[in-house]
N, C-alpha and C. Protein backbone atom coordinates (compact mmCIF):
# COMPACT_ATOMS: atom_id res chain seq x y z
N MET A 1 18.16 -7.82 1.20
CA MET A 1 18.91 -7.47 0.02
C MET A 1 18.99 -5.85 -0.19
N ASP A 2 20.08 -5.44 -0.23
CA ASP A 2 20.11 -4.10 -0.44
C ASP A 2 20.16 -3.79 -1.97
N PHE A 3 19.41 -2.77 -2.42
CA PHE A 3 19.23 -2.31 -3.89
C PHE A 3 20.32 -1.37 -4.09
N PRO A 4 21.14 -1.62 -5.27
CA PRO A 4 22.17 -0.49 -5.46
C PRO A 4 21.48 0.81 -6.13
N VAL A 5 22.19 1.77 -5.44
CA VAL A 5 21.49 3.08 -5.91
C VAL A 5 21.62 3.17 -7.51
N GLY A 6 20.66 3.85 -8.23
CA GLY A 6 20.79 4.08 -9.65
C GLY A 6 20.47 2.93 -10.59
N GLU A 7 20.13 1.85 -9.80
CA GLU A 7 19.55 0.60 -10.80
C GLU A 7 18.14 0.48 -10.79
N LYS A 8 17.54 0.20 -11.88
CA LYS A 8 16.32 -0.18 -11.97
C LYS A 8 15.57 -1.56 -11.46
N PHE A 9 14.38 -1.85 -10.88
CA PHE A 9 14.07 -2.99 -10.42
C PHE A 9 12.45 -3.02 -11.09
N LYS A 10 12.00 -4.11 -11.43
CA LYS A 10 10.68 -4.33 -11.57
C LYS A 10 10.18 -4.86 -10.34
N LEU A 11 9.26 -4.05 -9.79
CA LEU A 11 8.53 -4.30 -8.67
C LEU A 11 7.79 -5.44 -8.67
N ASN A 12 6.99 -5.85 -9.50
CA ASN A 12 6.30 -7.05 -9.49
C ASN A 12 7.18 -8.21 -9.18
N GLY A 13 8.19 -8.30 -9.69
CA GLY A 13 9.29 -9.41 -9.70
C GLY A 13 10.02 -9.65 -8.49
N LEU A 14 9.80 -8.68 -7.46
CA LEU A 14 10.57 -8.64 -5.96
C LEU A 14 9.74 -9.39 -5.01
N VAL A 15 8.47 -9.72 -5.35
CA VAL A 15 7.82 -10.48 -4.27
C VAL A 15 7.02 -11.52 -5.04
N ASN A 16 6.67 -12.61 -4.72
CA ASN A 16 5.75 -13.78 -5.56
C ASN A 16 4.71 -14.14 -4.46
N TYR A 17 3.82 -14.36 -5.20
CA TYR A 17 2.55 -15.19 -4.57
C TYR A 17 2.93 -16.39 -3.81
N GLN A 18 2.29 -16.63 -2.75
CA GLN A 18 2.50 -17.71 -1.80
C GLN A 18 0.77 -18.22 -1.64
N GLU A 19 0.44 -19.54 -2.20
CA GLU A 19 -0.95 -20.06 -1.82
C GLU A 19 -1.37 -19.82 -0.41
N GLY A 20 -2.42 -19.26 -0.27
CA GLY A 20 -3.16 -19.18 1.21
C GLY A 20 -2.11 -18.10 1.80
N SER A 21 -1.36 -17.26 1.43
CA SER A 21 -0.41 -16.54 2.29
C SER A 21 -0.50 -14.95 1.86
N ILE A 22 0.23 -14.16 2.88
CA ILE A 22 0.58 -12.73 2.47
C ILE A 22 2.18 -12.73 2.49
N VAL A 23 2.82 -12.33 1.47
CA VAL A 23 4.28 -12.22 1.59
C VAL A 23 4.68 -10.75 1.41
N SER A 24 5.66 -10.46 2.28
CA SER A 24 6.04 -8.94 1.97
C SER A 24 7.64 -9.00 2.29
N ARG A 25 7.90 -7.91 1.50
CA ARG A 25 9.38 -7.57 1.62
C ARG A 25 9.70 -5.98 1.62
N THR A 26 10.28 -5.78 2.65
CA THR A 26 10.76 -4.54 3.20
C THR A 26 11.84 -3.95 2.01
N LEU A 27 11.71 -2.88 1.24
CA LEU A 27 12.55 -2.30 0.46
C LEU A 27 13.31 -1.30 0.97
N ILE A 28 12.61 -0.33 1.93
CA ILE A 28 13.20 0.60 2.62
C ILE A 28 12.88 0.75 4.00
N ASP A 29 13.80 0.79 4.82
CA ASP A 29 13.47 0.92 6.43
C ASP A 29 14.24 1.97 7.05
N LYS A 30 13.75 3.09 7.16
CA LYS A 30 14.46 4.31 7.74
C LYS A 30 13.67 4.74 8.88
N LYS A 31 14.55 5.78 9.61
CA LYS A 31 13.82 6.33 10.79
C LYS A 31 12.60 7.31 10.34
N THR A 32 12.49 7.77 8.99
CA THR A 32 11.65 8.61 8.55
C THR A 32 10.37 7.99 8.03
N GLY A 33 10.53 6.54 7.66
CA GLY A 33 9.44 5.69 6.91
C GLY A 33 9.93 4.64 6.33
N THR A 34 8.93 3.63 5.86
CA THR A 34 9.18 2.49 5.25
C THR A 34 8.42 2.21 3.76
N VAL A 35 9.11 1.37 3.13
CA VAL A 35 8.55 0.99 1.89
C VAL A 35 8.31 -0.40 1.64
N THR A 36 7.29 -0.95 1.66
CA THR A 36 7.05 -2.55 1.73
C THR A 36 6.31 -2.83 0.61
N LEU A 37 6.88 -3.91 -0.10
CA LEU A 37 6.14 -4.69 -1.05
C LEU A 37 5.18 -5.83 -0.63
N PHE A 38 3.96 -5.92 -0.99
CA PHE A 38 3.20 -7.16 -0.44
C PHE A 38 2.62 -8.05 -1.74
N ALA A 39 2.56 -9.18 -1.68
CA ALA A 39 1.70 -10.01 -2.31
C ALA A 39 0.86 -10.88 -1.49
N PHE A 40 -0.55 -10.59 -1.80
CA PHE A 40 -1.81 -11.11 -1.13
C PHE A 40 -2.15 -12.16 -2.06
N ASP A 41 -2.41 -13.55 -1.56
CA ASP A 41 -3.27 -14.43 -2.29
C ASP A 41 -4.74 -13.99 -2.11
N ARG A 42 -5.68 -14.66 -3.08
CA ARG A 42 -7.01 -14.15 -3.08
C ARG A 42 -7.51 -14.66 -1.78
N GLY A 43 -8.31 -13.78 -1.00
CA GLY A 43 -9.04 -14.01 0.31
C GLY A 43 -8.20 -13.83 1.22
N GLN A 44 -6.87 -13.48 1.17
CA GLN A 44 -6.14 -13.04 2.31
C GLN A 44 -6.06 -11.74 2.82
N GLY A 45 -5.84 -11.17 3.75
CA GLY A 45 -6.16 -9.77 4.29
C GLY A 45 -5.45 -9.57 5.62
N LEU A 46 -5.43 -8.38 6.02
CA LEU A 46 -4.90 -7.51 7.33
C LEU A 46 -6.22 -7.06 7.91
N SER A 47 -6.53 -7.70 9.08
CA SER A 47 -7.74 -7.30 9.81
C SER A 47 -7.60 -5.86 10.28
N GLU A 48 -8.66 -5.42 10.76
CA GLU A 48 -8.95 -3.77 10.88
C GLU A 48 -7.90 -3.51 11.96
N HIS A 49 -7.27 -2.51 11.89
CA HIS A 49 -6.34 -1.91 12.87
C HIS A 49 -6.16 -0.48 12.57
N THR A 50 -5.24 0.09 13.51
CA THR A 50 -4.83 1.38 12.99
C THR A 50 -3.19 1.54 13.33
N ALA A 51 -2.99 2.60 12.68
CA ALA A 51 -1.32 2.95 12.83
C ALA A 51 -1.06 4.24 13.24
N PRO A 52 0.04 4.96 13.77
CA PRO A 52 0.22 6.08 14.21
C PRO A 52 0.77 6.98 13.33
N PHE A 53 0.85 6.51 12.06
CA PHE A 53 1.19 7.48 10.95
C PHE A 53 0.39 7.33 9.68
N ASP A 54 0.51 8.06 8.65
CA ASP A 54 -0.03 8.00 7.46
C ASP A 54 0.51 7.02 6.64
N ALA A 55 -0.33 6.27 5.70
CA ALA A 55 0.27 5.35 4.93
C ALA A 55 -0.50 5.31 3.52
N MET A 56 0.24 5.14 2.71
CA MET A 56 -0.16 5.29 1.13
C MET A 56 -0.07 3.62 0.53
N VAL A 57 -1.11 3.44 0.12
CA VAL A 57 -1.15 2.16 -0.69
C VAL A 57 -1.29 2.38 -2.13
N ILE A 58 -0.42 1.57 -3.02
CA ILE A 58 -0.36 1.78 -4.30
C ILE A 58 -0.63 0.13 -4.86
N VAL A 59 -1.73 -0.01 -5.50
CA VAL A 59 -2.18 -1.41 -5.94
C VAL A 59 -1.29 -1.63 -7.38
N LEU A 60 -0.41 -2.41 -7.47
CA LEU A 60 0.28 -2.72 -8.63
C LEU A 60 -0.25 -3.72 -9.66
N GLU A 61 -1.18 -4.61 -9.14
CA GLU A 61 -1.68 -5.61 -9.99
C GLU A 61 -2.82 -6.38 -9.08
N GLY A 62 -3.81 -6.75 -9.77
CA GLY A 62 -5.00 -7.32 -9.09
C GLY A 62 -5.88 -6.31 -8.62
N LYS A 63 -6.69 -6.95 -7.61
CA LYS A 63 -7.71 -6.21 -7.03
C LYS A 63 -7.89 -6.51 -5.62
N ALA A 64 -8.11 -5.09 -4.79
CA ALA A 64 -7.88 -5.11 -3.40
C ALA A 64 -9.21 -4.32 -2.92
N GLN A 65 -9.74 -4.81 -1.78
CA GLN A 65 -10.56 -3.96 -0.81
C GLN A 65 -9.79 -3.44 0.14
N ILE A 66 -9.89 -1.89 0.42
CA ILE A 66 -9.20 -1.23 1.19
C ILE A 66 -10.45 -0.58 2.22
N THR A 67 -10.56 -1.11 3.45
CA THR A 67 -11.69 -0.29 4.25
C THR A 67 -10.89 0.61 5.20
N ILE A 68 -11.56 1.82 5.25
CA ILE A 68 -11.19 2.80 6.11
C ILE A 68 -12.13 3.59 6.80
N GLU A 69 -12.21 3.33 8.15
CA GLU A 69 -13.22 3.92 9.03
C GLU A 69 -14.73 3.12 8.43
N GLY A 70 -14.60 1.79 8.22
CA GLY A 70 -15.83 1.37 7.62
C GLY A 70 -16.29 1.38 6.25
N LYS A 71 -15.70 2.47 5.64
CA LYS A 71 -15.86 2.47 3.85
C LYS A 71 -15.02 1.75 3.20
N ALA A 72 -15.74 0.95 2.42
CA ALA A 72 -15.08 -0.01 1.59
C ALA A 72 -14.60 0.63 0.31
N HIS A 73 -13.29 0.51 -0.11
CA HIS A 73 -12.91 1.12 -1.44
C HIS A 73 -12.37 -0.23 -2.17
N LEU A 74 -12.72 -0.18 -3.52
CA LEU A 74 -12.13 -1.15 -4.34
C LEU A 74 -11.18 -0.66 -5.14
N LEU A 75 -9.89 -1.27 -5.11
CA LEU A 75 -8.85 -0.64 -5.99
C LEU A 75 -8.30 -1.71 -6.65
N SER A 76 -7.74 -1.32 -8.06
CA SER A 76 -7.39 -2.11 -9.27
C SER A 76 -5.93 -1.67 -9.34
N GLY A 77 -5.12 -2.54 -10.06
CA GLY A 77 -3.68 -2.06 -10.65
C GLY A 77 -3.62 -0.71 -11.03
N GLY A 78 -2.68 0.18 -10.57
CA GLY A 78 -2.45 1.53 -10.85
C GLY A 78 -3.22 2.60 -10.10
N GLU A 79 -4.22 2.05 -9.19
CA GLU A 79 -4.73 2.96 -8.23
C GLU A 79 -3.99 2.99 -6.94
N MET A 80 -4.27 4.14 -5.92
CA MET A 80 -3.73 4.20 -4.66
C MET A 80 -4.68 4.97 -3.85
N ILE A 81 -4.65 4.68 -2.67
CA ILE A 81 -5.17 5.24 -1.65
C ILE A 81 -4.59 5.77 -0.49
N ILE A 82 -4.72 6.77 0.20
CA ILE A 82 -3.99 7.07 1.41
C ILE A 82 -4.89 6.76 2.83
N MET A 83 -4.35 6.00 3.70
CA MET A 83 -5.03 5.62 4.78
C MET A 83 -4.40 6.56 6.02
N PRO A 84 -5.27 7.49 6.44
CA PRO A 84 -4.77 8.48 7.59
C PRO A 84 -4.61 7.83 8.84
N ALA A 85 -3.59 8.52 9.43
CA ALA A 85 -3.14 7.99 10.92
C ALA A 85 -4.19 7.85 11.81
N ASN A 86 -4.28 6.86 12.60
CA ASN A 86 -5.06 6.82 13.67
C ASN A 86 -6.47 6.27 13.24
N LYS A 87 -6.64 6.04 12.01
CA LYS A 87 -8.04 5.76 11.68
C LYS A 87 -7.89 4.16 11.28
N PRO A 88 -9.15 3.65 11.81
CA PRO A 88 -9.22 2.14 11.62
C PRO A 88 -9.23 1.77 10.17
N HIS A 89 -8.14 0.99 9.66
CA HIS A 89 -8.31 0.41 8.21
C HIS A 89 -8.19 -1.10 8.12
N ALA A 90 -8.66 -1.72 6.97
CA ALA A 90 -8.29 -3.26 6.78
C ALA A 90 -8.02 -3.48 5.48
N VAL A 91 -7.52 -4.52 5.24
CA VAL A 91 -7.02 -4.61 3.61
C VAL A 91 -7.54 -6.21 3.32
N ARG A 92 -8.17 -6.32 2.23
CA ARG A 92 -8.57 -7.75 1.75
C ARG A 92 -8.38 -7.96 0.28
N ALA A 93 -7.75 -9.06 -0.06
CA ALA A 93 -7.65 -9.40 -1.53
C ALA A 93 -8.92 -9.97 -2.09
N GLU A 94 -9.53 -9.14 -3.08
CA GLU A 94 -10.50 -9.77 -3.84
C GLU A 94 -9.95 -10.81 -5.00
N GLU A 95 -8.92 -10.48 -5.40
CA GLU A 95 -8.23 -11.48 -6.09
C GLU A 95 -6.87 -11.30 -5.65
N ARG A 96 -6.06 -12.32 -6.23
CA ARG A 96 -4.53 -12.11 -6.02
C ARG A 96 -4.19 -10.70 -6.43
N PHE A 97 -3.41 -9.97 -5.31
CA PHE A 97 -2.92 -8.70 -5.83
C PHE A 97 -1.68 -8.26 -5.04
N LYS A 98 -0.86 -7.27 -5.65
CA LYS A 98 0.47 -6.84 -5.15
C LYS A 98 0.25 -5.35 -4.82
N MET A 99 0.92 -4.89 -3.64
CA MET A 99 0.80 -3.46 -3.41
C MET A 99 2.12 -3.14 -2.86
N LEU A 100 2.45 -1.96 -2.91
CA LEU A 100 3.39 -1.11 -2.41
C LEU A 100 2.73 -0.19 -1.29
N LEU A 101 3.28 -0.64 0.06
CA LEU A 101 2.84 0.42 1.21
C LEU A 101 3.86 1.21 1.42
N VAL A 102 3.68 2.69 1.35
CA VAL A 102 4.64 3.66 1.67
C VAL A 102 4.17 4.40 3.25
N MET A 103 4.90 4.14 4.26
CA MET A 103 4.75 4.70 5.51
C MET A 103 5.54 5.69 5.81
N ILE A 104 4.89 6.84 6.21
CA ILE A 104 5.78 8.22 6.75
C ILE A 104 5.41 8.47 7.94
N ARG A 105 6.64 8.25 8.75
CA ARG A 105 6.76 8.47 10.25
C ARG A 105 6.96 9.92 10.66
N ASP A 106 6.04 10.62 10.44
CA ASP A 106 5.54 12.18 10.54
C ASP A 106 4.14 12.24 11.00
N LYS A 107 4.02 12.94 11.98
CA LYS A 107 2.86 13.10 12.56
C LYS A 107 2.05 14.29 12.05
N GLY A 108 2.67 15.11 11.11
CA GLY A 108 2.17 16.39 10.45
C GLY A 108 0.93 15.93 9.72
N PRO A 109 0.01 17.03 9.27
CA PRO A 109 -1.10 16.89 8.57
C PRO A 109 -0.88 16.24 7.12
N ILE A 110 -1.81 15.84 6.42
CA ILE A 110 -1.84 15.09 4.92
C ILE A 110 -2.04 16.41 4.04
N HIS A 111 -1.09 16.69 3.22
CA HIS A 111 -1.54 18.01 2.45
C HIS A 111 -1.91 17.57 1.01
N LEU A 112 -3.45 17.68 0.55
CA LEU A 112 -3.96 17.30 -0.66
C LEU A 112 -4.25 18.67 -1.52
N LYS A 113 -3.28 19.57 -1.38
CA LYS A 113 -3.53 20.96 -2.13
C LYS A 113 -3.49 20.51 -3.39
N GLU A 114 -2.92 19.77 -4.07
CA GLU A 114 -2.79 19.42 -5.51
C GLU A 114 -3.80 18.61 -6.05
N ARG A 115 -4.77 18.12 -4.85
CA ARG A 115 -5.90 16.98 -5.37
C ARG A 115 -6.78 17.41 -6.74
N ASP A 116 -7.13 18.76 -6.71
CA ASP A 116 -7.91 19.01 -7.82
C ASP A 116 -6.96 19.30 -8.99
N GLU A 117 -5.83 19.38 -9.10
CA GLU A 117 -4.88 19.31 -10.09
C GLU A 117 -4.70 17.83 -10.65
N ILE A 118 -4.68 16.95 -9.57
CA ILE A 118 -4.43 15.36 -9.99
C ILE A 118 -5.90 14.87 -10.57
N SER A 119 -6.98 15.37 -10.17
CA SER A 119 -8.34 15.02 -10.62
C SER A 119 -8.50 15.44 -12.15
N LYS A 120 -7.80 16.76 -12.57
CA LYS A 120 -7.87 17.13 -13.86
C LYS A 120 -7.05 16.20 -14.90
N CYS A 121 -6.09 15.61 -14.25
CA CYS A 121 -5.27 14.88 -15.16
C CYS A 121 -5.91 13.51 -15.59
N SER A 122 -6.98 13.06 -14.64
CA SER A 122 -7.60 11.65 -14.90
C SER A 122 -8.71 11.65 -15.98
């Protein structure tokens, strides 16, 4: 499905949970990157793997454990994490959850210059 430019969509409604499964829907697929929406049933996950590009996970609802280089991070709705390129990572649903995965196909460094400014907002 193509999404008309300039129209709003409710992300949570674009993908539904399926018992015992992971459901995905690609929203954007370009040479420069992808945006994919996922719905994980409780206990489902993606085993440890690497990717050649940086990826940002935004948890929309529910709870997920994102493990990067052996360090586990528990994320809830509204939280995000960046998974660096070429670093082993895994995803596991602590409870049903939906996430938006943004992968940028550029091998340049991650710039977190504004990180201190972001921390001040929370």
